[in-house]
Amino acid sequence: MASYSLLITASAAKELEAVETKKDRRRLVLRLRALATDPRPPGCRKIAGTDKHRLRQGDYRILYRVDDDEASVTIVKIGDRKEVDR
């Protein structure tokens, strides 16, 4: 399987840094790195009406965009599920 480049927006990087516990932050980073090898893992969902996907990691959600032509994954938003799912 081809490897995708992983890009993260400045706002998503700040949201990742704002995650309260180091343990949660570490799990999110591992999940993000895994997107480079499999951009559509089991459990991810395409958001209707957009080109974004949503992935769950504990109480957090990761919103990202996959570009198969350029083989890239762009992380758009990371946050608590209460905030991201709205």
C-alpha atoms as a PDB file:
ATOM      1  CA  MET A   1       0.000   0.000   0.000  1.00  0.00           C
ATOM      2  CA  ALA A   2       1.250   3.467  -0.887  1.00  0.00           C
ATOM      3  CA  SER A   3       2.297   5.864   1.842  1.00  0.00           C
ATOM      4  CA  TYR A   4       0.476   9.186   2.130  1.00  0.00           C
ATOM      5  CA  SER A   5       2.077  12.421   3.250  1.00  0.00           C
ATOM      6  CA  LEU A   6       0.564  13.784   6.438  1.00  0.00           C
ATOM      7  CA  LEU A   7      -0.193  17.515   6.625  1.00  0.00           C
ATOM      8  CA  ILE A   8      -1.674  19.318   9.603  1.00  0.00           C
ATOM      9  CA  THR A   9      -3.230  22.781   9.626  1.00  0.00           C
ATOM     10  CA  ALA A  10      -1.950  25.352  12.107  1.00  0.00           C
ATOM     11  CA  SER A  11      -5.270  25.397  13.940  1.00  0.00           C
ATOM     12  CA  ALA A  12      -5.302  21.591  14.240  1.00  0.00           C
ATOM     13  CA  ALA A  13      -1.735  21.654  15.590  1.00  0.00           C
ATOM     14  CA  LYS A  14      -2.820  24.120  18.293  1.00  0.00           C
ATOM     15  CA  GLU A  15      -5.812  21.930  19.116  1.00  0.00           C
ATOM     16  CA  LEU A  16      -3.504  18.927  19.482  1.00  0.00           C
ATOM     17  CA  GLU A  17      -1.213  20.865  21.819  1.00  0.00           C
ATOM     18  CA  ALA A  18      -4.248  21.885  23.887  1.00  0.00           C
ATOM     19  CA  VAL A  19      -5.215  18.264  24.649  1.00  0.00           C
ATOM     20  CA  GLU A  20      -5.096  18.038  28.425  1.00  0.00           C
ATOM     21  CA  THR A  21      -3.372  14.757  29.200  1.00  0.00           C
ATOM     22  CA  LYS A  22      -0.117  13.548  27.758  1.00  0.00           C
ATOM     23  CA  LYS A  23      -1.570  10.051  27.407  1.00  0.00           C
ATOM     24  CA  ASP A  24      -4.428  11.297  25.183  1.00  0.00           C
ATOM     25  CA  ARG A  25      -2.041  13.422  23.141  1.00  0.00           C
ATOM     26  CA  ARG A  26       0.237  10.422  22.570  1.00  0.00           C
ATOM     27  CA  ARG A  27      -2.692   8.266  21.431  1.00  0.00           C
ATOM     28  CA  LEU A  28      -3.857  10.977  19.032  1.00  0.00           C
ATOM     29  CA  VAL A  29      -0.370  11.287  17.527  1.00  0.00           C
ATOM     30  CA  LEU A  30      -0.176   7.521  17.009  1.00  0.00           C
ATOM     31  CA  ARG A  31      -3.580   7.586  15.318  1.00  0.00           C
ATOM     32  CA  LEU A  32      -2.496  10.481  13.088  1.00  0.00           C
ATOM     33  CA  ARG A  33       0.678   8.678  12.035  1.00  0.00           C
ATOM     34  CA  ALA A  34      -1.345   5.575  11.181  1.00  0.00           C
ATOM     35  CA  LEU A  35      -3.365   7.662   8.701  1.00  0.00           C
ATOM     36  CA  ALA A  36      -0.238   7.958   6.542  1.00  0.00           C
ATOM     37  CA  THR A  37      -0.355   4.237   5.767  1.00  0.00           C
ATOM     38  CA  ASP A  38      -4.130   3.743   5.833  1.00  0.00           C
ATOM     39  CA  PRO A  39      -6.128   6.959   5.292  1.00  0.00           C
ATOM     40  CA  ARG A  40      -9.458   5.148   5.599  1.00  0.00           C
ATOM     41  CA  PRO A  41      -9.050   2.807   8.598  1.00  0.00           C
ATOM     42  CA  PRO A  42     -11.891   0.773  10.061  1.00  0.00           C
ATOM     43  CA  GLY A  43     -14.145   3.052  12.061  1.00  0.00           C
ATOM     44  CA  CYS A  44     -13.631   6.184   9.972  1.00  0.00           C
ATOM     45  CA  ARG A  45     -16.713   7.835   8.542  1.00  0.00           C
ATOM     46  CA  LYS A  46     -17.158  10.123   5.574  1.00  0.00           C
ATOM     47  CA  ILE A  47     -19.056  13.253   6.510  1.00  0.00           C
ATOM     48  CA  ALA A  48     -22.050  13.676   4.217  1.00  0.00           C
ATOM     49  CA  GLY A  49     -21.949  16.698   1.951  1.00  0.00           C
ATOM     50  CA  THR A  50     -18.217  17.335   2.410  1.00  0.00           C
ATOM     51  CA  ASP A  51     -14.926  15.813   1.358  1.00  0.00           C
ATOM     52  CA  LYS A  52     -13.892  15.205   4.988  1.00  0.00           C
ATOM     53  CA  HIS A  53     -13.640  12.065   7.070  1.00  0.00           C
ATOM     54  CA  ARG A  54     -14.103  11.697  10.822  1.00  0.00           C
ATOM     55  CA  LEU A  55     -12.127   9.356  13.024  1.00  0.00           C
ATOM     56  CA  ARG A  56     -12.692   8.611  16.687  1.00  0.00           C
ATOM     57  CA  GLN A  57      -9.927   8.320  19.266  1.00  0.00           C
ATOM     58  CA  GLY A  58     -11.390   7.988  22.745  1.00  0.00           C
ATOM     59  CA  ASP A  59     -13.330  11.147  23.579  1.00  0.00           C
ATOM     60  CA  TYR A  60     -11.634  13.007  20.724  1.00  0.00           C
ATOM     61  CA  ARG A  61     -12.434  13.310  17.040  1.00  0.00           C
ATOM     62  CA  ILE A  62     -10.094  13.905  14.133  1.00  0.00           C
ATOM     63  CA  LEU A  63     -11.455  15.578  11.010  1.00  0.00           C
ATOM     64  CA  TYR A  64      -9.318  15.149   7.931  1.00  0.00           C
ATOM     65  CA  ARG A  65      -9.311  15.350   4.154  1.00  0.00           C
ATOM     66  CA  VAL A  66      -7.838  12.672   1.867  1.00  0.00           C
ATOM     67  CA  ASP A  67      -6.399  13.604  -1.540  1.00  0.00           C
ATOM     68  CA  ASP A  68      -5.693  10.379  -3.440  1.00  0.00           C
ATOM     69  CA  ASP A  69      -4.261  12.202  -6.475  1.00  0.00           C
ATOM     70  CA  GLU A  70      -1.510  13.844  -4.413  1.00  0.00           C
ATOM     71  CA  ALA A  71      -1.347  10.990  -1.870  1.00  0.00           C
ATOM     72  CA  SER A  72      -1.845  13.322   1.082  1.00  0.00           C
ATOM     73  CA  VAL A  73      -3.922  13.443   4.241  1.00  0.00           C
ATOM     74  CA  THR A  74      -4.650  16.897   5.694  1.00  0.00           C
ATOM     75  CA  ILE A  75      -5.695  17.076   9.347  1.00  0.00           C
ATOM     76  CA  VAL A  76      -8.286  19.849   9.626  1.00  0.00           C
ATOM     77  CA  LYS A  77      -9.567  19.686  13.207  1.00  0.00           C
ATOM     78  CA  ILE A  78      -8.879  17.802  16.422  1.00  0.00           C
ATOM     79  CA  GLY A  79     -11.119  18.185  19.438  1.00  0.00           C
ATOM     80  CA  ASP A  80     -13.498  16.799  21.991  1.00  0.00           C
ATOM     81  CA  ARG A  81     -16.345  14.908  20.383  1.00  0.00           C
ATOM     82  CA  LYS A  82     -18.881  17.340  21.851  1.00  0.00           C
ATOM     83  CA  GLU A  83     -17.263  20.199  19.937  1.00  0.00           C
ATOM     84  CA  VAL A  84     -16.284  18.505  16.672  1.00  0.00           C
ATOM     85  CA  ASP A  85     -19.535  16.650  16.001  1.00  0.00           C
ATOM     86  CA  ARG A  86     -21.503  19.897  15.895  1.00  0.00           C
END
